[in-house]
Amino acid sequence: MSDRLKELQHQRNLAREQLAWIEREIARELGPVPGIKPPEVMVPARPLAPSEAEATRMADEIMARYQGEAATAPKDVKRGCFLYFGLAFLLLGAAVAALYFYSASRQ
């Protein structure tokens, strides 16, 4: 069973629990109505928390997924800083050159 399917089923169970709570609150506010029984509490189909073995497996998968990205992140940041510095230096040079040619053309 995929993680997305598990999460969707978990969200569905939470929504059912919330709707059951709303129904109970409405029934409590209305008081006893003849011929209508109060809604039953729905029990989730599976436990909401994963077992310890499943939690460990999921944690290992997450660690493996992001471990490679963490190794390359400092290199990418360093490269980006040099790129932005070079662009800023180039723009500053272009602005100085434009100001120089503008002032030279006015004289």
PDB file of N, CA and C in Angstrom:
ATOM      1  N   MET A   1       0.844  -1.160   0.000  1.00  0.00           N
ATOM      2  CA  MET A   1       0.000   0.000   0.000  1.00  0.00           C
ATOM      3  C   MET A   1       0.903   1.240   0.000  1.00  0.00           C
ATOM      4  N   SER A   2       0.600   2.189  -0.883  1.00  0.00           N
ATOM      5  CA  SER A   2       1.452   3.363  -1.006  1.00  0.00           C
ATOM      6  C   SER A   2       1.241   4.315   0.175  1.00  0.00           C
ATOM      7  N   ASP A   3       2.238   5.169   0.395  1.00  0.00           N
ATOM      8  CA  ASP A   3       2.150   6.142   1.482  1.00  0.00           C
ATOM      9  C   ASP A   3       0.998   7.113   1.252  1.00  0.00           C
ATOM     10  N   ARG A   4       0.796   7.496  -0.015  1.00  0.00           N
ATOM     11  CA  ARG A   4      -0.295   8.440  -0.329  1.00  0.00           C
ATOM     12  C   ARG A   4      -1.649   7.826   0.018  1.00  0.00           C
ATOM     13  N   LEU A   5      -1.840   6.558  -0.322  1.00  0.00           N
ATOM     14  CA  LEU A   5      -3.106   5.890  -0.016  1.00  0.00           C
ATOM     15  C   LEU A   5      -3.316   5.798   1.483  1.00  0.00           C
ATOM     16  N   LYS A   6      -2.255   5.465   2.223  1.00  0.00           N
ATOM     17  CA  LYS A   6      -2.364   5.404   3.684  1.00  0.00           C
ATOM     18  C   LYS A   6      -2.749   6.755   4.253  1.00  0.00           C
ATOM     19  N   GLU A   7      -2.112   7.810   3.740  1.00  0.00           N
ATOM     20  CA  GLU A   7      -2.410   9.156   4.236  1.00  0.00           C
ATOM     21  C   GLU A   7      -3.843   9.556   3.897  1.00  0.00           C
ATOM     22  N   LEU A   8      -4.309   9.231   2.700  1.00  0.00           N
ATOM     23  CA  LEU A   8      -5.691   9.550   2.328  1.00  0.00           C
ATOM     24  C   LEU A   8      -6.692   8.810   3.212  1.00  0.00           C
ATOM     25  N   GLN A   9      -6.419   7.544   3.498  1.00  0.00           N
ATOM     26  CA  GLN A   9      -7.311   6.785   4.381  1.00  0.00           C
ATOM     27  C   GLN A   9      -7.295   7.369   5.787  1.00  0.00           C
ATOM     28  N   HIS A  10      -6.131   7.786   6.242  1.00  0.00           N
ATOM     29  CA  HIS A  10      -6.019   8.419   7.561  1.00  0.00           C
ATOM     30  C   HIS A  10      -6.841   9.706   7.599  1.00  0.00           C
ATOM     31  N   GLN A  11      -6.731  10.521   6.551  1.00  0.00           N
ATOM     32  CA  GLN A  11      -7.491  11.770   6.496  1.00  0.00           C
ATOM     33  C   GLN A  11      -8.998  11.498   6.434  1.00  0.00           C
ATOM     34  N   ARG A  12      -9.401  10.437   5.704  1.00  0.00           N
ATOM     35  CA  ARG A  12     -10.818  10.078   5.640  1.00  0.00           C
ATOM     36  C   ARG A  12     -11.337   9.688   7.025  1.00  0.00           C
ATOM     37  N   ASN A  13     -10.552   8.899   7.764  1.00  0.00           N
ATOM     38  CA  ASN A  13     -10.962   8.499   9.111  1.00  0.00           C
ATOM     39  C   ASN A  13     -11.071   9.705  10.034  1.00  0.00           C
ATOM     40  N   LEU A  14     -10.139  10.637   9.910  1.00  0.00           N
ATOM     41  CA  LEU A  14     -10.218  11.855  10.730  1.00  0.00           C
ATOM     42  C   LEU A  14     -11.466  12.655  10.396  1.00  0.00           C
ATOM     43  N   ALA A  15     -11.797  12.752   9.101  1.00  0.00           N
ATOM     44  CA  ALA A  15     -13.000  13.480   8.693  1.00  0.00           C
ATOM     45  C   ALA A  15     -14.256  12.798   9.230  1.00  0.00           C
ATOM     46  N   ARG A  16     -14.279  11.467   9.194  1.00  0.00           N
ATOM     47  CA  ARG A  16     -15.434  10.745   9.748  1.00  0.00           C
ATOM     48  C   ARG A  16     -15.587  10.994  11.245  1.00  0.00           C
ATOM     49  N   GLU A  17     -14.458  10.992  11.960  1.00  0.00           N
ATOM     50  CA  GLU A  17     -14.514  11.261  13.397  1.00  0.00           C
ATOM     51  C   GLU A  17     -15.033  12.663  13.668  1.00  0.00           C
ATOM     52  N   GLN A  18     -14.591  13.627  12.852  1.00  0.00           N
ATOM     53  CA  GLN A  18     -15.046  14.999  13.042  1.00  0.00           C
ATOM     54  C   GLN A  18     -16.542  15.122  12.747  1.00  0.00           C
ATOM     55  N   LEU A  19     -17.007  14.474  11.684  1.00  0.00           N
ATOM     56  CA  LEU A  19     -18.434  14.517  11.370  1.00  0.00           C
ATOM     57  C   LEU A  19     -19.265  13.855  12.465  1.00  0.00           C
ATOM     58  N   ALA A  20     -18.781  12.757  13.022  1.00  0.00           N
ATOM     59  CA  ALA A  20     -19.498  12.095  14.109  1.00  0.00           C
ATOM     60  C   ALA A  20     -19.573  13.016  15.323  1.00  0.00           C
ATOM     61  N   TRP A  21     -18.495  13.733  15.608  1.00  0.00           N
ATOM     62  CA  TRP A  21     -18.497  14.683  16.729  1.00  0.00           C
ATOM     63  C   TRP A  21     -19.514  15.792  16.481  1.00  0.00           C
ATOM     64  N   ILE A  22     -19.561  16.313  15.242  1.00  0.00           N
ATOM     65  CA  ILE A  22     -20.522  17.369  14.911  1.00  0.00           C
ATOM     66  C   ILE A  22     -21.947  16.854  15.086  1.00  0.00           C
ATOM     67  N   GLU A  23     -22.208  15.636  14.617  1.00  0.00           N
ATOM     68  CA  GLU A  23     -23.545  15.050  14.769  1.00  0.00           C
ATOM     69  C   GLU A  23     -23.910  14.901  16.248  1.00  0.00           C
ATOM     70  N   ARG A  24     -22.965  14.449  17.074  1.00  0.00           N
ATOM     71  CA  ARG A  24     -23.233  14.317  18.505  1.00  0.00           C
ATOM     72  C   ARG A  24     -23.536  15.669  19.138  1.00  0.00           C
ATOM     73  N   GLU A  25     -22.803  16.700  18.745  1.00  0.00           N
ATOM     74  CA  GLU A  25     -23.026  18.035  19.303  1.00  0.00           C
ATOM     75  C   GLU A  25     -24.387  18.577  18.883  1.00  0.00           C
ATOM     76  N   ILE A  26     -24.769  18.355  17.630  1.00  0.00           N
ATOM     77  CA  ILE A  26     -26.093  18.791  17.163  1.00  0.00           C
ATOM     78  C   ILE A  26     -27.176  18.056  17.925  1.00  0.00           C
ATOM     79  N   ALA A  27     -27.006  16.737  18.085  1.00  0.00           N
ATOM     80  CA  ALA A  27     -27.995  15.946  18.818  1.00  0.00           C
ATOM     81  C   ALA A  27     -28.085  16.410  20.266  1.00  0.00           C
ATOM     82  N   ARG A  28     -26.961  16.759  20.869  1.00  0.00           N
ATOM     83  CA  ARG A  28     -26.968  17.230  22.255  1.00  0.00           C
ATOM     84  C   ARG A  28     -27.701  18.559  22.371  1.00  0.00           C
ATOM     85  N   GLU A  29     -27.496  19.451  21.389  1.00  0.00           N
ATOM     86  CA  GLU A  29     -28.167  20.752  21.422  1.00  0.00           C
ATOM     87  C   GLU A  29     -29.672  20.624  21.167  1.00  0.00           C
ATOM     88  N   LEU A  30     -30.067  19.695  20.278  1.00  0.00           N
ATOM     89  CA  LEU A  30     -31.487  19.510  19.978  1.00  0.00           C
ATOM     90  C   LEU A  30     -32.220  18.772  21.079  1.00  0.00           C
ATOM     91  N   GLY A  31     -31.477  17.984  21.824  1.00  0.00           N
ATOM     92  CA  GLY A  31     -32.111  17.159  22.840  1.00  0.00           C
ATOM     93  C   GLY A  31     -32.648  15.895  22.210  1.00  0.00           C
ATOM     94  N   PRO A  32     -33.278  15.046  23.007  1.00  0.00           N
ATOM     95  CA  PRO A  32     -33.796  13.790  22.450  1.00  0.00           C
ATOM     96  C   PRO A  32     -34.951  14.057  21.480  1.00  0.00           C
ATOM     97  N   VAL A  33     -34.835  13.484  20.284  1.00  0.00           N
ATOM     98  CA  VAL A  33     -35.876  13.613  19.268  1.00  0.00           C
ATOM     99  C   VAL A  33     -36.505  12.241  19.099  1.00  0.00           C
ATOM    100  N   PRO A  34     -37.826  12.142  19.255  1.00  0.00           N
ATOM    101  CA  PRO A  34     -38.472  10.831  19.138  1.00  0.00           C
ATOM    102  C   PRO A  34     -38.276  10.230  17.742  1.00  0.00           C
ATOM    103  N   GLY A  35     -37.940   8.962  17.706  1.00  0.00           N
ATOM    104  CA  GLY A  35     -37.796   8.239  16.449  1.00  0.00           C
ATOM    105  C   GLY A  35     -36.409   8.345  15.831  1.00  0.00           C
ATOM    106  N   ILE A  36     -35.512   9.163  16.381  1.00  0.00           N
ATOM    107  CA  ILE A  36     -34.167   9.307  15.810  1.00  0.00           C
ATOM    108  C   ILE A  36     -33.165   8.906  16.878  1.00  0.00           C
ATOM    109  N   LYS A  37     -32.332   7.958  16.555  1.00  0.00           N
ATOM    110  CA  LYS A  37     -31.327   7.545  17.515  1.00  0.00           C
ATOM    111  C   LYS A  37     -30.054   8.374  17.311  1.00  0.00           C
ATOM    112  N   PRO A  38     -29.280   8.602  18.346  1.00  0.00           N
ATOM    113  CA  PRO A  38     -28.051   9.391  18.198  1.00  0.00           C
ATOM    114  C   PRO A  38     -27.036   8.653  17.331  1.00  0.00           C
ATOM    115  N   PRO A  39     -26.182   9.403  16.620  1.00  0.00           N
ATOM    116  CA  PRO A  39     -25.201   8.751  15.735  1.00  0.00           C
ATOM    117  C   PRO A  39     -24.181   7.951  16.533  1.00  0.00           C
ATOM    118  N   GLU A  40     -23.715   6.892  15.906  1.00  0.00           N
ATOM    119  CA  GLU A  40     -22.709   6.052  16.549  1.00  0.00           C
ATOM    120  C   GLU A  40     -21.320   6.615  16.277  1.00  0.00           C
ATOM    121  N   VAL A  41     -20.436   6.334  17.190  1.00  0.00           N
ATOM    122  CA  VAL A  41     -19.060   6.756  17.013  1.00  0.00           C
ATOM    123  C   VAL A  41     -18.379   5.778  16.077  1.00  0.00           C
ATOM    124  N   MET A  42     -17.728   6.309  15.040  1.00  0.00           N
ATOM    125  CA  MET A  42     -17.044   5.455  14.082  1.00  0.00           C
ATOM    126  C   MET A  42     -15.626   5.178  14.569  1.00  0.00           C
ATOM    127  N   VAL A  43     -15.240   3.922  14.488  1.00  0.00           N
ATOM    128  CA  VAL A  43     -13.901   3.519  14.889  1.00  0.00           C
ATOM    129  C   VAL A  43     -13.056   3.401  13.632  1.00  0.00           C
ATOM    130  N   PRO A  44     -11.850   3.975  13.612  1.00  0.00           N
ATOM    131  CA  PRO A  44     -11.016   3.869  12.409  1.00  0.00           C
ATOM    132  C   PRO A  44     -10.727   2.416  12.049  1.00  0.00           C
ATOM    133  N   ALA A  45     -10.549   2.161  10.754  1.00  0.00           N
ATOM    134  CA  ALA A  45     -10.313   0.809  10.266  1.00  0.00           C
ATOM    135  C   ALA A  45      -8.949   0.278  10.701  1.00  0.00           C
ATOM    136  N   ARG A  46      -7.971   1.143  10.900  1.00  0.00           N
ATOM    137  CA  ARG A  46      -6.641   0.724  11.314  1.00  0.00           C
ATOM    138  C   ARG A  46      -6.152   1.704  12.371  1.00  0.00           C
ATOM    139  N   PRO A  47      -5.165   1.334  13.142  1.00  0.00           N
ATOM    140  CA  PRO A  47      -4.644   2.278  14.128  1.00  0.00           C
ATOM    141  C   PRO A  47      -4.045   3.492  13.428  1.00  0.00           C
ATOM    142  N   LEU A  48      -4.204   4.658  14.036  1.00  0.00           N
ATOM    143  CA  LEU A  48      -3.719   5.891  13.431  1.00  0.00           C
ATOM    144  C   LEU A  48      -2.204   5.982  13.476  1.00  0.00           C
ATOM    145  N   ALA A  49      -1.591   5.456  14.490  1.00  0.00           N
ATOM    146  CA  ALA A  49      -0.134   5.511  14.608  1.00  0.00           C
ATOM    147  C   ALA A  49       0.467   4.231  14.024  1.00  0.00           C
ATOM    148  N   PRO A  50       1.550   4.359  13.251  1.00  0.00           N
ATOM    149  CA  PRO A  50       2.175   3.150  12.703  1.00  0.00           C
ATOM    150  C   PRO A  50       2.892   2.360  13.799  1.00  0.00           C
ATOM    151  N   SER A  51       3.117   1.095  13.512  1.00  0.00           N
ATOM    152  CA  SER A  51       3.851   0.268  14.468  1.00  0.00           C
ATOM    153  C   SER A  51       5.298   0.749  14.526  1.00  0.00           C
ATOM    154  N   GLU A  52       6.018   0.291  15.531  1.00  0.00           N
ATOM    155  CA  GLU A  52       7.409   0.744  15.702  1.00  0.00           C
ATOM    156  C   GLU A  52       8.274   0.324  14.521  1.00  0.00           C
ATOM    157  N   ALA A  53       8.075  -0.894  14.023  1.00  0.00           N
ATOM    158  CA  ALA A  53       8.859  -1.373  12.880  1.00  0.00           C
ATOM    159  C   ALA A  53       8.540  -0.558  11.627  1.00  0.00           C
ATOM    160  N   GLU A  54       7.248  -0.261  11.425  1.00  0.00           N
ATOM    161  CA  GLU A  54       6.855   0.528  10.259  1.00  0.00           C
ATOM    162  C   GLU A  54       7.380   1.960  10.365  1.00  0.00           C
ATOM    163  N   ALA A  55       7.350   2.525  11.563  1.00  0.00           N
ATOM    164  CA  ALA A  55       7.870   3.878  11.772  1.00  0.00           C
ATOM    165  C   ALA A  55       9.372   3.928  11.506  1.00  0.00           C
ATOM    166  N   THR A  56      10.098   2.907  11.934  1.00  0.00           N
ATOM    167  CA  THR A  56      11.545   2.845  11.681  1.00  0.00           C
ATOM    168  C   THR A  56      11.823   2.724  10.193  1.00  0.00           C
ATOM    169  N   ARG A  57      11.063   1.896   9.502  1.00  0.00           N
ATOM    170  CA  ARG A  57      11.235   1.743   8.055  1.00  0.00           C
ATOM    171  C   ARG A  57      10.956   3.057   7.328  1.00  0.00           C
ATOM    172  N   MET A  58       9.884   3.737   7.729  1.00  0.00           N
ATOM    173  CA  MET A  58       9.541   5.009   7.099  1.00  0.00           C
ATOM    174  C   MET A  58      10.621   6.053   7.358  1.00  0.00           C
ATOM    175  N   ALA A  59      11.169   6.083   8.566  1.00  0.00           N
ATOM    176  CA  ALA A  59      12.233   7.030   8.898  1.00  0.00           C
ATOM    177  C   ALA A  59      13.477   6.747   8.073  1.00  0.00           C
ATOM    178  N   ASP A  60      13.807   5.469   7.894  1.00  0.00           N
ATOM    179  CA  ASP A  60      14.968   5.113   7.082  1.00  0.00           C
ATOM    180  C   ASP A  60      14.786   5.531   5.623  1.00  0.00           C
ATOM    181  N   GLU A  61      13.573   5.360   5.101  1.00  0.00           N
ATOM    182  CA  GLU A  61      13.299   5.775   3.718  1.00  0.00           C
ATOM    183  C   GLU A  61      13.460   7.283   3.560  1.00  0.00           C
ATOM    184  N   ILE A  62      12.960   8.031   4.527  1.00  0.00           N
ATOM    185  CA  ILE A  62      13.062   9.491   4.464  1.00  0.00           C
ATOM    186  C   ILE A  62      14.519   9.928   4.547  1.00  0.00           C
ATOM    187  N   MET A  63      15.279   9.321   5.441  1.00  0.00           N
ATOM    188  CA  MET A  63      16.700   9.654   5.576  1.00  0.00           C
ATOM    189  C   MET A  63      17.448   9.341   4.276  1.00  0.00           C
ATOM    190  N   ALA A  64      17.172   8.200   3.669  1.00  0.00           N
ATOM    191  CA  ALA A  64      17.853   7.829   2.428  1.00  0.00           C
ATOM    192  C   ALA A  64      17.486   8.785   1.301  1.00  0.00           C
ATOM    193  N   ARG A  65      16.250   9.237   1.271  1.00  0.00           N
ATOM    194  CA  ARG A  65      15.792  10.127   0.207  1.00  0.00           C
ATOM    195  C   ARG A  65      16.501  11.477   0.256  1.00  0.00           C
ATOM    196  N   TYR A  66      16.699  12.025   1.437  1.00  0.00           N
ATOM    197  CA  TYR A  66      17.245  13.375   1.559  1.00  0.00           C
ATOM    198  C   TYR A  66      18.742  13.412   1.881  1.00  0.00           C
ATOM    199  N   GLN A  67      19.366  12.291   2.102  1.00  0.00           N
ATOM    200  CA  GLN A  67      20.778  12.288   2.460  1.00  0.00           C
ATOM    201  C   GLN A  67      21.645  12.767   1.299  1.00  0.00           C
ATOM    202  N   GLY A  68      21.356  12.372   0.087  1.00  0.00           N
ATOM    203  CA  GLY A  68      22.129  12.811  -1.076  1.00  0.00           C
ATOM    204  C   GLY A  68      21.988  14.303  -1.323  1.00  0.00           C
ATOM    205  N   GLU A  69      20.800  14.842  -1.093  1.00  0.00           N
ATOM    206  CA  GLU A  69      20.576  16.273  -1.294  1.00  0.00           C
ATOM    207  C   GLU A  69      21.355  17.104  -0.292  1.00  0.00           C
ATOM    208  N   ALA A  70      21.518  16.629   0.919  1.00  0.00           N
ATOM    209  CA  ALA A  70      22.228  17.382   1.946  1.00  0.00           C
ATOM    210  C   ALA A  70      23.711  17.498   1.614  1.00  0.00           C
ATOM    211  N   ALA A  71      24.264  16.520   0.926  1.00  0.00           N
ATOM    212  CA  ALA A  71      25.688  16.552   0.591  1.00  0.00           C
ATOM    213  C   ALA A  71      25.988  17.598  -0.479  1.00  0.00           C
ATOM    214  N   THR A  72      25.075  17.823  -1.404  1.00  0.00           N
ATOM    215  CA  THR A  72      25.327  18.774  -2.497  1.00  0.00           C
ATOM    216  C   THR A  72      24.864  20.180  -2.177  1.00  0.00           C
ATOM    217  N   ALA A  73      24.091  20.387  -1.147  1.00  0.00           N
ATOM    218  CA  ALA A  73      23.540  21.706  -0.847  1.00  0.00           C
ATOM    219  C   ALA A  73      24.614  22.768  -0.603  1.00  0.00           C
ATOM    220  N   PRO A  74      25.657  22.528   0.203  1.00  0.00           N
ATOM    221  CA  PRO A  74      26.660  23.579   0.410  1.00  0.00           C
ATOM    222  C   PRO A  74      27.371  23.992  -0.885  1.00  0.00           C
ATOM    223  N   LYS A  75      27.632  23.037  -1.772  1.00  0.00           N
ATOM    224  CA  LYS A  75      28.272  23.364  -3.054  1.00  0.00           C
ATOM    225  C   LYS A  75      27.361  24.243  -3.904  1.00  0.00           C
ATOM    226  N   ASP A  76      26.073  23.919  -3.918  1.00  0.00           N
ATOM    227  CA  ASP A  76      25.127  24.709  -4.694  1.00  0.00           C
ATOM    228  C   ASP A  76      25.012  26.130  -4.147  1.00  0.00           C
ATOM    229  N   VAL A  77      25.005  26.255  -2.838  1.00  0.00           N
ATOM    230  CA  VAL A  77      24.907  27.579  -2.215  1.00  0.00           C
ATOM    231  C   VAL A  77      26.152  28.402  -2.537  1.00  0.00           C
ATOM    232  N   LYS A  78      27.309  27.788  -2.446  1.00  0.00           N
ATOM    233  CA  LYS A  78      28.567  28.492  -2.733  1.00  0.00           C
ATOM    234  C   LYS A  78      28.583  28.959  -4.188  1.00  0.00           C
ATOM    235  N   ARG A  79      28.191  28.095  -5.101  1.00  0.00           N
ATOM    236  CA  ARG A  79      28.150  28.450  -6.521  1.00  0.00           C
ATOM    237  C   ARG A  79      27.162  29.597  -6.755  1.00  0.00           C
ATOM    238  N   GLY A  80      26.014  29.544  -6.093  1.00  0.00           N
ATOM    239  CA  GLY A  80      25.018  30.610  -6.239  1.00  0.00           C
ATOM    240  C   GLY A  80      25.526  31.944  -5.707  1.00  0.00           C
ATOM    241  N   CYS A  81      26.251  31.927  -4.613  1.00  0.00           N
ATOM    242  CA  CYS A  81      26.793  33.176  -4.054  1.00  0.00           C
ATOM    243  C   CYS A  81      27.789  33.800  -5.019  1.00  0.00           C
ATOM    244  N   PHE A  82      28.669  32.983  -5.589  1.00  0.00           N
ATOM    245  CA  PHE A  82      29.628  33.514  -6.561  1.00  0.00           C
ATOM    246  C   PHE A  82      28.915  34.062  -7.793  1.00  0.00           C
ATOM    247  N   LEU A  83      27.882  33.386  -8.233  1.00  0.00           N
ATOM    248  CA  LEU A  83      27.128  33.846  -9.394  1.00  0.00           C
ATOM    249  C   LEU A  83      26.474  35.193  -9.115  1.00  0.00           C
ATOM    250  N   TYR A  84      25.815  35.336  -7.961  1.00  0.00           N
ATOM    251  CA  TYR A  84      25.180  36.617  -7.615  1.00  0.00           C
ATOM    252  C   TYR A  84      26.214  37.726  -7.439  1.00  0.00           C
ATOM    253  N   PHE A  85      27.378  37.416  -6.870  1.00  0.00           N
ATOM    254  CA  PHE A  85      28.425  38.412  -6.725  1.00  0.00           C
ATOM    255  C   PHE A  85      28.906  38.884  -8.093  1.00  0.00           C
ATOM    256  N   GLY A  86      29.105  37.942  -9.008  1.00  0.00           N
ATOM    257  CA  GLY A  86      29.538  38.299 -10.356  1.00  0.00           C
ATOM    258  C   GLY A  86      28.513  39.153 -11.076  1.00  0.00           C
ATOM    259  N   LEU A  87      27.237  38.804 -10.942  1.00  0.00           N
ATOM    260  CA  LEU A  87      26.172  39.601 -11.570  1.00  0.00           C
ATOM    261  C   LEU A  87      26.115  41.007 -10.978  1.00  0.00           C
ATOM    262  N   ALA A  88      26.223  41.118  -9.673  1.00  0.00           N
ATOM    263  CA  ALA A  88      26.193  42.426  -9.035  1.00  0.00           C
ATOM    264  C   ALA A  88      27.381  43.268  -9.480  1.00  0.00           C
ATOM    265  N   PHE A  89      28.560  42.663  -9.579  1.00  0.00           N
ATOM    266  CA  PHE A  89      29.753  43.374 -10.015  1.00  0.00           C
ATOM    267  C   PHE A  89      29.590  43.834 -11.466  1.00  0.00           C
ATOM    268  N   LEU A  90      29.020  42.994 -12.308  1.00  0.00           N
ATOM    269  CA  LEU A  90      28.782  43.333 -13.705  1.00  0.00           C
ATOM    270  C   LEU A  90      27.789  44.486 -13.824  1.00  0.00           C
ATOM    271  N   LEU A  91      26.718  44.449 -13.063  1.00  0.00           N
ATOM    272  CA  LEU A  91      25.733  45.535 -13.092  1.00  0.00           C
ATOM    273  C   LEU A  91      26.327  46.839 -12.579  1.00  0.00           C
ATOM    274  N   LEU A  92      27.154  46.757 -11.548  1.00  0.00           N
ATOM    275  CA  LEU A  92      27.809  47.960 -11.041  1.00  0.00           C
ATOM    276  C   LEU A  92      28.725  48.544 -12.103  1.00  0.00           C
ATOM    277  N   GLY A  93      29.485  47.699 -12.790  1.00  0.00           N
ATOM    278  CA  GLY A  93      30.356  48.172 -13.873  1.00  0.00           C
ATOM    279  C   GLY A  93      29.557  48.798 -15.002  1.00  0.00           C
ATOM    280  N   ALA A  94      28.429  48.199 -15.363  1.00  0.00           N
ATOM    281  CA  ALA A  94      27.586  48.752 -16.420  1.00  0.00           C
ATOM    282  C   ALA A  94      27.020  50.106 -16.007  1.00  0.00           C
ATOM    283  N   ALA A  95      26.633  50.249 -14.743  1.00  0.00           N
ATOM    284  CA  ALA A  95      26.094  51.519 -14.267  1.00  0.00           C
ATOM    285  C   ALA A  95      27.171  52.598 -14.273  1.00  0.00           C
ATOM    286  N   VAL A  96      28.374  52.260 -13.852  1.00  0.00           N
ATOM    287  CA  VAL A  96      29.479  53.236 -13.860  1.00  0.00           C
ATOM    288  C   VAL A  96      29.814  53.629 -15.296  1.00  0.00           C
ATOM    289  N   ALA A  97      29.870  52.658 -16.209  1.00  0.00           N
ATOM    290  CA  ALA A  97      30.159  52.962 -17.613  1.00  0.00           C
ATOM    291  C   ALA A  97      29.076  53.848 -18.207  1.00  0.00           C
ATOM    292  N   ALA A  98      27.805  53.550 -17.913  1.00  0.00           N
ATOM    293  CA  ALA A  98      26.710  54.367 -18.433  1.00  0.00           C
ATOM    294  C   ALA A  98      26.788  55.783 -17.883  1.00  0.00           C
ATOM    295  N   LEU A  99      27.097  55.923 -16.615  1.00  0.00           N
ATOM    296  CA  LEU A  99      27.221  57.252 -16.021  1.00  0.00           C
ATOM    297  C   LEU A  99      28.391  58.007 -16.639  1.00  0.00           C
ATOM    298  N   TYR A 100      29.506  57.310 -16.897  1.00  0.00           N
ATOM    299  CA  TYR A 100      30.681  57.942 -17.503  1.00  0.00           C
ATOM    300  C   TYR A 100      30.352  58.435 -18.906  1.00  0.00           C
ATOM    301  N   PHE A 101      29.726  57.587 -19.738  1.00  0.00           N
ATOM    302  CA  PHE A 101      29.406  57.987 -21.106  1.00  0.00           C
ATOM    303  C   PHE A 101      28.336  59.068 -21.128  1.00  0.00           C
ATOM    304  N   TYR A 102      27.420  59.045 -20.202  1.00  0.00           N
ATOM    305  CA  TYR A 102      26.388  60.087 -20.136  1.00  0.00           C
ATOM    306  C   TYR A 102      27.024  61.432 -19.780  1.00  0.00           C
ATOM    307  N   SER A 103      27.908  61.435 -18.811  1.00  0.00           N
ATOM    308  CA  SER A 103      28.540  62.706 -18.413  1.00  0.00           C
ATOM    309  C   SER A 103      29.516  63.192 -19.487  1.00  0.00           C
ATOM    310  N   ALA A 104      30.160  62.291 -20.212  1.00  0.00           N
ATOM    311  CA  ALA A 104      31.083  62.686 -21.280  1.00  0.00           C
ATOM    312  C   ALA A 104      30.331  63.260 -22.462  1.00  0.00           C
ATOM    313  N   SER A 105      29.136  62.784 -22.725  1.00  0.00           N
ATOM    314  CA  SER A 105      28.358  63.282 -23.868  1.00  0.00           C
ATOM    315  C   SER A 105      27.742  64.643 -23.578  1.00  0.00           C
ATOM    316  N   ARG A 106      27.618  65.051 -22.352  1.00  0.00           N
ATOM    317  CA  ARG A 106      27.021  66.349 -21.996  1.00  0.00           C
ATOM    318  C   ARG A 106      28.042  67.466 -22.070  1.00  0.00           C
ATOM    319  N   GLN A 107      29.333  67.139 -22.114  1.00  0.00           N
ATOM    320  CA  GLN A 107      30.340  68.208 -22.120  1.00  0.00           C
ATOM    321  C   GLN A 107      30.740  68.587 -23.484  1.00  0.00           C
TER     322      GLN A 107
END
